PDB file of all heavy atoms in Angstrom:
ATOM      1  N   LYS A   1      -1.309  -4.080  -0.419  1.00  0.00           N
ATOM      2  CA  LYS A   1      -0.863  -5.271   0.302  1.00  0.00           C
ATOM      3  C   LYS A   1       0.569  -5.126   0.829  1.00  0.00           C
ATOM      4  O   LYS A   1       0.835  -5.398   2.002  1.00  0.00           O
ATOM      5  CB  LYS A   1      -0.994  -6.514  -0.573  1.00  0.00           C
ATOM      6  CG  LYS A   1      -0.865  -7.832   0.198  1.00  0.00           C
ATOM      7  CD  LYS A   1      -1.211  -9.008  -0.701  1.00  0.00           C
ATOM      8  CE  LYS A   1      -1.329 -10.297   0.095  1.00  0.00           C
ATOM      9  NZ  LYS A   1      -0.058 -10.722   0.676  1.00  0.00           N
ATOM     10  N   PRO A   2       1.553  -4.707  -0.011  1.00  0.00           N
ATOM     11  CA  PRO A   2       2.903  -4.536   0.532  1.00  0.00           C
ATOM     12  C   PRO A   2       2.993  -3.459   1.606  1.00  0.00           C
ATOM     13  O   PRO A   2       3.844  -3.539   2.503  1.00  0.00           O
ATOM     14  CB  PRO A   2       3.746  -4.180  -0.692  1.00  0.00           C
ATOM     15  CG  PRO A   2       2.785  -3.753  -1.733  1.00  0.00           C
ATOM     16  CD  PRO A   2       1.518  -4.492  -1.470  1.00  0.00           C
ATOM     17  N   ILE A   3       2.120  -2.437   1.531  1.00  0.00           N
ATOM     18  CA  ILE A   3       2.096  -1.420   2.586  1.00  0.00           C
ATOM     19  C   ILE A   3       1.639  -2.049   3.893  1.00  0.00           C
ATOM     20  O   ILE A   3       2.228  -1.810   4.956  1.00  0.00           O
ATOM     21  CB  ILE A   3       1.180  -0.245   2.178  1.00  0.00           C
ATOM     22  CG1 ILE A   3       1.769   0.487   0.972  1.00  0.00           C
ATOM     23  CG2 ILE A   3       0.973   0.715   3.354  1.00  0.00           C
ATOM     24  CD1 ILE A   3       0.910   1.620   0.450  1.00  0.00           C
ATOM     25  N   GLN A   4       0.598  -2.884   3.838  1.00  0.00           N
ATOM     26  CA  GLN A   4       0.116  -3.568   5.035  1.00  0.00           C
ATOM     27  C   GLN A   4       1.176  -4.519   5.588  1.00  0.00           C
ATOM     28  O   GLN A   4       1.342  -4.643   6.806  1.00  0.00           O
ATOM     29  CB  GLN A   4      -1.166  -4.318   4.705  1.00  0.00           C
ATOM     30  CG  GLN A   4      -1.892  -4.877   5.921  1.00  0.00           C
ATOM     31  CD  GLN A   4      -3.257  -5.434   5.538  1.00  0.00           C
ATOM     32  OE1 GLN A   4      -3.415  -6.070   4.495  1.00  0.00           O
ATOM     33  NE2 GLN A   4      -4.252  -5.200   6.366  1.00  0.00           N
ATOM     34  N   GLU A   5       1.904  -5.186   4.706  1.00  0.00           N
ATOM     35  CA  GLU A   5       2.918  -6.144   5.139  1.00  0.00           C
ATOM     36  C   GLU A   5       4.118  -5.480   5.797  1.00  0.00           C
ATOM     37  O   GLU A   5       4.933  -6.155   6.434  1.00  0.00           O
ATOM     38  CB  GLU A   5       3.372  -6.980   3.936  1.00  0.00           C
ATOM     39  CG  GLU A   5       2.289  -7.949   3.447  1.00  0.00           C
ATOM     40  CD  GLU A   5       2.660  -8.633   2.142  1.00  0.00           C
ATOM     41  OE1 GLU A   5       3.620  -8.162   1.483  1.00  0.00           O
ATOM     42  OE2 GLU A   5       2.002  -9.631   1.784  1.00  0.00           O
ATOM     43  N   MET A   6       4.245  -4.152   5.671  1.00  0.00           N
ATOM     44  CA  MET A   6       5.330  -3.429   6.331  1.00  0.00           C
ATOM     45  C   MET A   6       5.113  -3.309   7.832  1.00  0.00           C
ATOM     46  O   MET A   6       6.037  -2.945   8.567  1.00  0.00           O
ATOM     47  CB  MET A   6       5.489  -2.032   5.718  1.00  0.00           C
ATOM     48  CG  MET A   6       6.041  -2.048   4.313  1.00  0.00           C
ATOM     49  SD  MET A   6       6.134  -0.387   3.605  1.00  0.00           S
ATOM     50  CE  MET A   6       6.622  -0.772   1.922  1.00  0.00           C
ATOM     51  N   ASP A   7       3.902  -3.593   8.282  1.00  0.00           N
ATOM     52  CA  ASP A   7       3.637  -3.616   9.727  1.00  0.00           C
ATOM     53  C   ASP A   7       4.201  -4.919  10.279  1.00  0.00           C
ATOM     54  O   ASP A   7       3.552  -5.966  10.241  1.00  0.00           O
ATOM     55  CB  ASP A   7       2.133  -3.517   9.986  1.00  0.00           C
ATOM     56  CG  ASP A   7       1.788  -3.556  11.477  1.00  0.00           C
ATOM     57  OD1 ASP A   7       2.731  -3.606  12.305  1.00  0.00           O
ATOM     58  OD2 ASP A   7       0.598  -3.543  11.810  1.00  0.00           O
ATOM     59  N   GLY A   8       5.409  -4.849  10.785  1.00  0.00           N
ATOM     60  CA  GLY A   8       6.082  -6.037  11.298  1.00  0.00           C
ATOM     61  C   GLY A   8       5.818  -6.318  12.762  1.00  0.00           C
ATOM     62  O   GLY A   8       6.361  -7.291  13.308  1.00  0.00           O
ATOM     63  N   GLU A   9       4.993  -5.510  13.404  1.00  0.00           N
ATOM     64  CA  GLU A   9       4.740  -5.678  14.836  1.00  0.00           C
ATOM     65  C   GLU A   9       3.423  -6.392  15.109  1.00  0.00           C
ATOM     66  O   GLU A   9       3.315  -7.146  16.082  1.00  0.00           O
ATOM     67  CB  GLU A   9       4.740  -4.304  15.525  1.00  0.00           C
ATOM     68  CG  GLU A   9       6.084  -3.578  15.426  1.00  0.00           C
ATOM     69  CD  GLU A   9       6.058  -2.232  16.119  1.00  0.00           C
ATOM     70  OE1 GLU A   9       5.002  -1.892  16.713  1.00  0.00           O
ATOM     71  OE2 GLU A   9       7.073  -1.515  16.067  1.00  0.00           O
ATOM     72  N   SER A  10       2.433  -6.166  14.274  1.00  0.00           N
ATOM     73  CA  SER A  10       1.107  -6.763  14.502  1.00  0.00           C
ATOM     74  C   SER A  10       1.051  -8.170  13.921  1.00  0.00           C
ATOM     75  O   SER A  10       1.797  -8.531  13.012  1.00  0.00           O
ATOM     76  CB  SER A  10       0.014  -5.899  13.867  1.00  0.00           C
ATOM     77  OG  SER A  10       0.082  -4.560  14.339  1.00  0.00           O
ATOM     78  N   ASP A  11       0.142  -8.986  14.469  1.00  0.00           N
ATOM     79  CA  ASP A  11      -0.042 -10.353  13.996  1.00  0.00           C
ATOM     80  C   ASP A  11      -0.796 -10.366  12.667  1.00  0.00           C
ATOM     81  O   ASP A  11      -1.533  -9.416  12.344  1.00  0.00           O
ATOM     82  CB  ASP A  11      -0.835 -11.171  15.021  1.00  0.00           C
ATOM     83  CG  ASP A  11      -0.077 -11.351  16.340  1.00  0.00           C
ATOM     84  OD1 ASP A  11       1.173 -11.347  16.295  1.00  0.00           O
ATOM     85  OD2 ASP A  11      -0.739 -11.472  17.386  1.00  0.00           O
ATOM     86  N   LEU A  12      -0.627 -11.449  11.907  1.00  0.00           N
ATOM     87  CA  LEU A  12      -1.387 -11.643  10.685  1.00  0.00           C
ATOM     88  C   LEU A  12      -2.884 -11.564  10.992  1.00  0.00           C
ATOM     89  O   LEU A  12      -3.364 -12.169  11.938  1.00  0.00           O
ATOM     90  CB  LEU A  12      -1.055 -13.007  10.079  1.00  0.00           C
ATOM     91  CG  LEU A  12      -1.835 -13.404   8.815  1.00  0.00           C
ATOM     92  CD1 LEU A  12      -1.484 -12.482   7.660  1.00  0.00           C
ATOM     93  CD2 LEU A  12      -1.558 -14.856   8.452  1.00  0.00           C
ATOM     94  N   GLY A  13      -3.584 -10.822  10.199  1.00  0.00           N
ATOM     95  CA  GLY A  13      -5.014 -10.615  10.420  1.00  0.00           C
ATOM     96  C   GLY A  13      -5.318  -9.338  11.157  1.00  0.00           C
ATOM     97  O   GLY A  13      -6.469  -8.912  11.216  1.00  0.00           O
ATOM     98  N   LYS A  14      -4.252  -8.710  11.721  1.00  0.00           N
ATOM     99  CA  LYS A  14      -4.446  -7.495  12.510  1.00  0.00           C
ATOM    100  C   LYS A  14      -3.506  -6.368  12.085  1.00  0.00           C
ATOM    101  O   LYS A  14      -3.382  -5.365  12.777  1.00  0.00           O
ATOM    102  CB  LYS A  14      -4.243  -7.790  13.999  1.00  0.00           C
ATOM    103  CG  LYS A  14      -5.152  -8.878  14.559  1.00  0.00           C
ATOM    104  CD  LYS A  14      -4.844  -9.161  16.013  1.00  0.00           C
ATOM    105  CE  LYS A  14      -5.743 -10.260  16.574  1.00  0.00           C
ATOM    106  NZ  LYS A  14      -5.433 -10.558  17.996  1.00  0.00           N
ATOM    107  N   ARG A  15      -2.808  -6.564  10.964  1.00  0.00           N
ATOM    108  CA  ARG A  15      -1.810  -5.588  10.555  1.00  0.00           C
ATOM    109  C   ARG A  15      -2.462  -4.298  10.050  1.00  0.00           C
ATOM    110  O   ARG A  15      -3.428  -4.327   9.291  1.00  0.00           O
ATOM    111  CB  ARG A  15      -0.894  -6.184   9.482  1.00  0.00           C
ATOM    112  CG  ARG A  15       0.002  -7.290  10.022  1.00  0.00           C
ATOM    113  CD  ARG A  15       0.906  -7.890   8.975  1.00  0.00           C
ATOM    114  NE  ARG A  15       0.159  -8.603   7.938  1.00  0.00           N
ATOM    115  CZ  ARG A  15       0.737  -9.349   7.008  1.00  0.00           C
ATOM    116  NH1 ARG A  15       2.068  -9.475   6.973  1.00  0.00           N
ATOM    117  NH2 ARG A  15       0.007  -9.975   6.103  1.00  0.00           N
ATOM    118  N   HIS A  16      -1.929  -3.165  10.494  1.00  0.00           N
ATOM    119  CA  HIS A  16      -2.451  -1.856  10.118  1.00  0.00           C
ATOM    120  C   HIS A  16      -2.090  -1.545   8.655  1.00  0.00           C
ATOM    121  O   HIS A  16      -1.182  -2.153   8.076  1.00  0.00           O
ATOM    122  CB  HIS A  16      -1.893  -0.768  11.028  1.00  0.00           C
ATOM    123  CG  HIS A  16      -2.070  -1.053  12.493  1.00  0.00           C
ATOM    124  ND1 HIS A  16      -3.291  -1.399  13.045  1.00  0.00           N
ATOM    125  CD2 HIS A  16      -1.184  -1.052  13.526  1.00  0.00           C
ATOM    126  CE1 HIS A  16      -3.150  -1.586  14.351  1.00  0.00           C
ATOM    127  NE2 HIS A  16      -1.884  -1.396  14.658  1.00  0.00           N
ATOM    128  N   ILE A  17      -2.783  -0.567   8.096  1.00  0.00           N
ATOM    129  CA  ILE A  17      -2.516  -0.098   6.733  1.00  0.00           C
ATOM    130  C   ILE A  17      -2.054   1.347   6.848  1.00  0.00           C
ATOM    131  O   ILE A  17      -2.860   2.286   6.837  1.00  0.00           O
ATOM    132  CB  ILE A  17      -3.770  -0.227   5.856  1.00  0.00           C
ATOM    133  CG1 ILE A  17      -4.297  -1.667   5.904  1.00  0.00           C
ATOM    134  CG2 ILE A  17      -3.461   0.179   4.412  1.00  0.00           C
ATOM    135  CD1 ILE A  17      -5.693  -1.826   5.363  1.00  0.00           C
ATOM    136  N   LEU A  18      -0.743   1.526   6.979  1.00  0.00           N
ATOM    137  CA  LEU A  18      -0.165   2.836   7.263  1.00  0.00           C
ATOM    138  C   LEU A  18       0.360   3.443   5.967  1.00  0.00           C
ATOM    139  O   LEU A  18       1.566   3.427   5.688  1.00  0.00           O
ATOM    140  CB  LEU A  18       0.935   2.702   8.313  1.00  0.00           C
ATOM    141  CG  LEU A  18       0.517   2.001   9.618  1.00  0.00           C
ATOM    142  CD1 LEU A  18       1.688   1.899  10.583  1.00  0.00           C
ATOM    143  CD2 LEU A  18      -0.665   2.725  10.269  1.00  0.00           C
ATOM    144  N   ILE A  19      -0.548   3.997   5.189  1.00  0.00           N
ATOM    145  CA  ILE A  19      -0.179   4.599   3.911  1.00  0.00           C
ATOM    146  C   ILE A  19       0.808   5.736   4.113  1.00  0.00           C
ATOM    147  O   ILE A  19       1.709   5.956   3.287  1.00  0.00           O
ATOM    148  CB  ILE A  19      -1.444   5.084   3.178  1.00  0.00           C
ATOM    149  CG1 ILE A  19      -2.346   3.881   2.840  1.00  0.00           C
ATOM    150  CG2 ILE A  19      -1.097   5.859   1.913  1.00  0.00           C
ATOM    151  CD1 ILE A  19      -3.698   4.267   2.278  1.00  0.00           C
ATOM    152  N   SER A  20       0.692   6.457   5.224  1.00  0.00           N
ATOM    153  CA  SER A  20       1.567   7.601   5.482  1.00  0.00           C
ATOM    154  C   SER A  20       3.034   7.209   5.649  1.00  0.00           C
ATOM    155  O   SER A  20       3.917   8.062   5.543  1.00  0.00           O
ATOM    156  CB  SER A  20       1.096   8.351   6.736  1.00  0.00           C
ATOM    157  OG  SER A  20       1.176   7.515   7.883  1.00  0.00           O
ATOM    158  N   LYS A  21       3.300   5.923   5.889  1.00  0.00           N
ATOM    159  CA  LYS A  21       4.687   5.474   6.029  1.00  0.00           C
ATOM    160  C   LYS A  21       5.376   5.382   4.665  1.00  0.00           C
ATOM    161  O   LYS A  21       6.582   5.605   4.553  1.00  0.00           O
ATOM    162  CB  LYS A  21       4.733   4.107   6.724  1.00  0.00           C
ATOM    163  CG  LYS A  21       4.205   4.104   8.154  1.00  0.00           C
ATOM    164  CD  LYS A  21       5.080   4.933   9.071  1.00  0.00           C
ATOM    165  CE  LYS A  21       4.586   4.820  10.519  1.00  0.00           C
ATOM    166  NZ  LYS A  21       5.393   5.661  11.438  1.00  0.00           N
ATOM    167  N   GLU A  22       4.635   5.001   3.638  1.00  0.00           N
ATOM    168  CA  GLU A  22       5.177   4.873   2.278  1.00  0.00           C
ATOM    169  C   GLU A  22       4.165   5.420   1.268  1.00  0.00           C
ATOM    170  O   GLU A  22       3.697   4.696   0.391  1.00  0.00           O
ATOM    171  CB  GLU A  22       5.505   3.414   1.962  1.00  0.00           C
ATOM    172  CG  GLU A  22       6.638   2.833   2.762  1.00  0.00           C
ATOM    173  CD  GLU A  22       7.994   3.419   2.389  1.00  0.00           C
ATOM    174  OE1 GLU A  22       8.101   4.032   1.307  1.00  0.00           O
ATOM    175  OE2 GLU A  22       8.942   3.255   3.168  1.00  0.00           O
ATOM    176  N   PRO A  23       3.841   6.708   1.359  1.00  0.00           N
ATOM    177  CA  PRO A  23       2.759   7.237   0.516  1.00  0.00           C
ATOM    178  C   PRO A  23       3.068   7.186  -0.976  1.00  0.00           C
ATOM    179  O   PRO A  23       2.163   7.035  -1.798  1.00  0.00           O
ATOM    180  CB  PRO A  23       2.606   8.681   1.004  1.00  0.00           C
ATOM    181  CG  PRO A  23       3.929   9.022   1.607  1.00  0.00           C
ATOM    182  CD  PRO A  23       4.429   7.754   2.220  1.00  0.00           C
ATOM    183  N   ARG A  24       4.338   7.280  -1.333  1.00  0.00           N
ATOM    184  CA  ARG A  24       4.674   7.371  -2.756  1.00  0.00           C
ATOM    185  C   ARG A  24       4.529   6.049  -3.501  1.00  0.00           C
ATOM    186  O   ARG A  24       4.670   6.024  -4.731  1.00  0.00           O
ATOM    187  CB  ARG A  24       6.073   7.941  -2.921  1.00  0.00           C
ATOM    188  CG  ARG A  24       6.164   9.373  -2.438  1.00  0.00           C
ATOM    189  CD  ARG A  24       7.313  10.141  -3.005  1.00  0.00           C
ATOM    190  NE  ARG A  24       7.174  11.559  -2.753  1.00  0.00           N
ATOM    191  CZ  ARG A  24       8.082  12.465  -3.113  1.00  0.00           C
ATOM    192  NH1 ARG A  24       9.185  12.065  -3.741  1.00  0.00           N
ATOM    193  NH2 ARG A  24       7.891  13.740  -2.859  1.00  0.00           N
ATOM    194  N   LEU A  25       4.239   4.973  -2.784  1.00  0.00           N
ATOM    195  CA  LEU A  25       3.945   3.721  -3.468  1.00  0.00           C
ATOM    196  C   LEU A  25       2.676   3.822  -4.306  1.00  0.00           C
ATOM    197  O   LEU A  25       2.462   3.032  -5.228  1.00  0.00           O
ATOM    198  CB  LEU A  25       3.819   2.574  -2.461  1.00  0.00           C
ATOM    199  CG  LEU A  25       5.116   2.107  -1.801  1.00  0.00           C
ATOM    200  CD1 LEU A  25       4.843   0.973  -0.826  1.00  0.00           C
ATOM    201  CD2 LEU A  25       6.133   1.651  -2.848  1.00  0.00           C
ATOM    202  N   LEU A  26       1.828   4.809  -3.979  1.00  0.00           N
ATOM    203  CA  LEU A  26       0.595   5.007  -4.743  1.00  0.00           C
ATOM    204  C   LEU A  26       0.786   5.929  -5.943  1.00  0.00           C
ATOM    205  O   LEU A  26      -0.075   5.997  -6.820  1.00  0.00           O
ATOM    206  CB  LEU A  26      -0.503   5.583  -3.843  1.00  0.00           C
ATOM    207  CG  LEU A  26      -0.976   4.713  -2.680  1.00  0.00           C
ATOM    208  CD1 LEU A  26      -1.990   5.469  -1.839  1.00  0.00           C
ATOM    209  CD2 LEU A  26      -1.585   3.419  -3.191  1.00  0.00           C
ATOM    210  N   GLU A  27       1.909   6.635  -5.981  1.00  0.00           N
ATOM    211  CA  GLU A  27       2.148   7.563  -7.086  1.00  0.00           C
ATOM    212  C   GLU A  27       2.260   6.820  -8.406  1.00  0.00           C
ATOM    213  O   GLU A  27       2.885   5.763  -8.493  1.00  0.00           O
ATOM    214  CB  GLU A  27       3.433   8.368  -6.847  1.00  0.00           C
ATOM    215  CG  GLU A  27       3.225   9.597  -6.020  1.00  0.00           C
ATOM    216  CD  GLU A  27       4.467  10.477  -5.949  1.00  0.00           C
ATOM    217  OE1 GLU A  27       5.362  10.327  -6.806  1.00  0.00           O
ATOM    218  OE2 GLU A  27       4.554  11.295  -5.017  1.00  0.00           O
ATOM    219  N   GLY A  28       1.670   7.379  -9.428  1.00  0.00           N
ATOM    220  CA  GLY A  28       1.725   6.779 -10.750  1.00  0.00           C
ATOM    221  C   GLY A  28       0.605   5.804 -11.035  1.00  0.00           C
ATOM    222  O   GLY A  28       0.492   5.314 -12.165  1.00  0.00           O
ATOM    223  N   PHE A  29      -0.218   5.495 -10.019  1.00  0.00           N
ATOM    224  CA  PHE A  29      -1.327   4.563 -10.266  1.00  0.00           C
ATOM    225  C   PHE A  29      -2.234   5.127 -11.346  1.00  0.00           C
ATOM    226  O   PHE A  29      -2.690   6.264 -11.267  1.00  0.00           O
ATOM    227  CB  PHE A  29      -2.121   4.311  -8.984  1.00  0.00           C
ATOM    228  CG  PHE A  29      -3.251   3.344  -9.177  1.00  0.00           C
ATOM    229  CD1 PHE A  29      -3.017   1.982  -9.158  1.00  0.00           C
ATOM    230  CD2 PHE A  29      -4.552   3.790  -9.412  1.00  0.00           C
ATOM    231  CE1 PHE A  29      -4.070   1.076  -9.361  1.00  0.00           C
ATOM    232  CE2 PHE A  29      -5.594   2.907  -9.615  1.00  0.00           C
ATOM    233  CZ  PHE A  29      -5.338   1.542  -9.594  1.00  0.00           C
ATOM    234  N   THR A  30      -2.510   4.325 -12.367  1.00  0.00           N
ATOM    235  CA  THR A  30      -3.297   4.800 -13.505  1.00  0.00           C
ATOM    236  C   THR A  30      -4.715   4.247 -13.475  1.00  0.00           C
ATOM    237  O   THR A  30      -4.945   3.115 -13.041  1.00  0.00           O
ATOM    238  CB  THR A  30      -2.617   4.421 -14.832  1.00  0.00           C
ATOM    239  OG1 THR A  30      -3.442   4.855 -15.926  1.00  0.00           O
ATOM    240  CG2 THR A  30      -2.401   2.911 -14.938  1.00  0.00           C
ATOM    241  N   LEU A  31      -5.637   5.048 -13.936  1.00  0.00           N
ATOM    242  CA  LEU A  31      -7.043   4.639 -14.037  1.00  0.00           C
ATOM    243  C   LEU A  31      -7.371   4.076 -15.413  1.00  0.00           C
ATOM    244  O   LEU A  31      -8.527   3.784 -15.696  1.00  0.00           O
ATOM    245  CB  LEU A  31      -7.971   5.822 -13.745  1.00  0.00           C
ATOM    246  CG  LEU A  31      -8.241   6.166 -12.270  1.00  0.00           C
ATOM    247  CD1 LEU A  31      -6.981   6.652 -11.578  1.00  0.00           C
ATOM    248  CD2 LEU A  31      -9.339   7.221 -12.141  1.00  0.00           C
ATOM    249  N   ASN A  32      -6.342   3.926 -16.242  1.00  0.00           N
ATOM    250  CA  ASN A  32      -6.590   3.518 -17.625  1.00  0.00           C
ATOM    251  C   ASN A  32      -5.626   2.438 -18.083  1.00  0.00           C
ATOM    252  O   ASN A  32      -4.482   2.386 -17.643  1.00  0.00           O
ATOM    253  CB  ASN A  32      -6.473   4.719 -18.565  1.00  0.00           C
ATOM    254  CG  ASN A  32      -7.387   5.846 -18.176  1.00  0.00           C
ATOM    255  OD1 ASN A  32      -7.013   6.693 -17.383  1.00  0.00           O
ATOM    256  ND2 ASN A  32      -8.596   5.833 -18.692  1.00  0.00           N
ATOM    257  N   ARG A  33      -6.112   1.609 -18.980  1.00  0.00           N
ATOM    258  CA  ARG A  33      -5.281   0.612 -19.642  1.00  0.00           C
ATOM    259  C   ARG A  33      -5.244   0.834 -21.152  1.00  0.00           C
ATOM    260  O   ARG A  33      -4.262   0.506 -21.802  1.00  0.00           O
ATOM    261  CB  ARG A  33      -5.804  -0.794 -19.338  1.00  0.00           C
ATOM    262  CG  ARG A  33      -5.540  -1.213 -17.891  1.00  0.00           C
ATOM    263  CD  ARG A  33      -6.084  -2.576 -17.576  1.00  0.00           C
ATOM    264  NE  ARG A  33      -5.700  -3.000 -16.243  1.00  0.00           N
ATOM    265  CZ  ARG A  33      -6.207  -4.054 -15.619  1.00  0.00           C
ATOM    266  NH1 ARG A  33      -7.123  -4.802 -16.240  1.00  0.00           N
ATOM    267  NH2 ARG A  33      -5.808  -4.383 -14.412  1.00  0.00           N
ATOM    268  N   ARG A  34      -6.312   1.390 -21.681  1.00  0.00           N
ATOM    269  CA  ARG A  34      -6.372   1.597 -23.132  1.00  0.00           C
ATOM    270  C   ARG A  34      -5.526   2.787 -23.555  1.00  0.00           C
ATOM    271  O   ARG A  34      -4.693   2.690 -24.456  1.00  0.00           O
ATOM    272  CB  ARG A  34      -7.827   1.793 -23.565  1.00  0.00           C
ATOM    273  CG  ARG A  34      -8.005   1.853 -25.064  1.00  0.00           C
ATOM    274  CD  ARG A  34      -9.466   2.014 -25.438  1.00  0.00           C
ATOM    275  NE  ARG A  34      -9.639   2.051 -26.889  1.00  0.00           N
ATOM    276  CZ  ARG A  34     -10.776   2.377 -27.484  1.00  0.00           C
ATOM    277  NH1 ARG A  34     -11.843   2.672 -26.756  1.00  0.00           N
ATOM    278  NH2 ARG A  34     -10.863   2.401 -28.791  1.00  0.00           N
ATOM    279  N   TYR A  35      -5.746   3.933 -22.925  1.00  0.00           N
ATOM    280  CA  TYR A  35      -4.957   5.132 -23.216  1.00  0.00           C
ATOM    281  C   TYR A  35      -4.405   5.677 -21.907  1.00  0.00           C
ATOM    282  O   TYR A  35      -5.162   6.134 -21.057  1.00  0.00           O
ATOM    283  CB  TYR A  35      -5.816   6.207 -23.891  1.00  0.00           C
ATOM    284  CG  TYR A  35      -6.402   5.789 -25.219  1.00  0.00           C
ATOM    285  CD1 TYR A  35      -7.775   5.569 -25.344  1.00  0.00           C
ATOM    286  CD2 TYR A  35      -5.595   5.613 -26.341  1.00  0.00           C
ATOM    287  CE1 TYR A  35      -8.326   5.189 -26.558  1.00  0.00           C
ATOM    288  CE2 TYR A  35      -6.138   5.218 -27.555  1.00  0.00           C
ATOM    289  CZ  TYR A  35      -7.497   5.010 -27.663  1.00  0.00           C
ATOM    290  OH  TYR A  35      -8.035   4.625 -28.854  1.00  0.00           O
ATOM    291  N   LEU A  36      -3.092   5.630 -21.751  1.00  0.00           N
ATOM    292  CA  LEU A  36      -2.468   6.187 -20.559  1.00  0.00           C
ATOM    293  C   LEU A  36      -2.401   7.705 -20.674  1.00  0.00           C
ATOM    294  O   LEU A  36      -2.330   8.259 -21.779  1.00  0.00           O
ATOM    295  CB  LEU A  36      -1.068   5.612 -20.371  1.00  0.00           C
ATOM    296  CG  LEU A  36      -0.967   4.096 -20.210  1.00  0.00           C
ATOM    297  CD1 LEU A  36       0.485   3.684 -20.031  1.00  0.00           C
ATOM    298  CD2 LEU A  36      -1.824   3.605 -19.054  1.00  0.00           C
TER     299      LEU A  36
END
């Protein structure tokens, strides 16, 4: 969601999802809650 909100040029409902602009926001995402 915050990556999509970085598109300040497009209107709400049409904002692009440009992961390549801030790819490291996904780093560290874990698939686990019980055992990290």
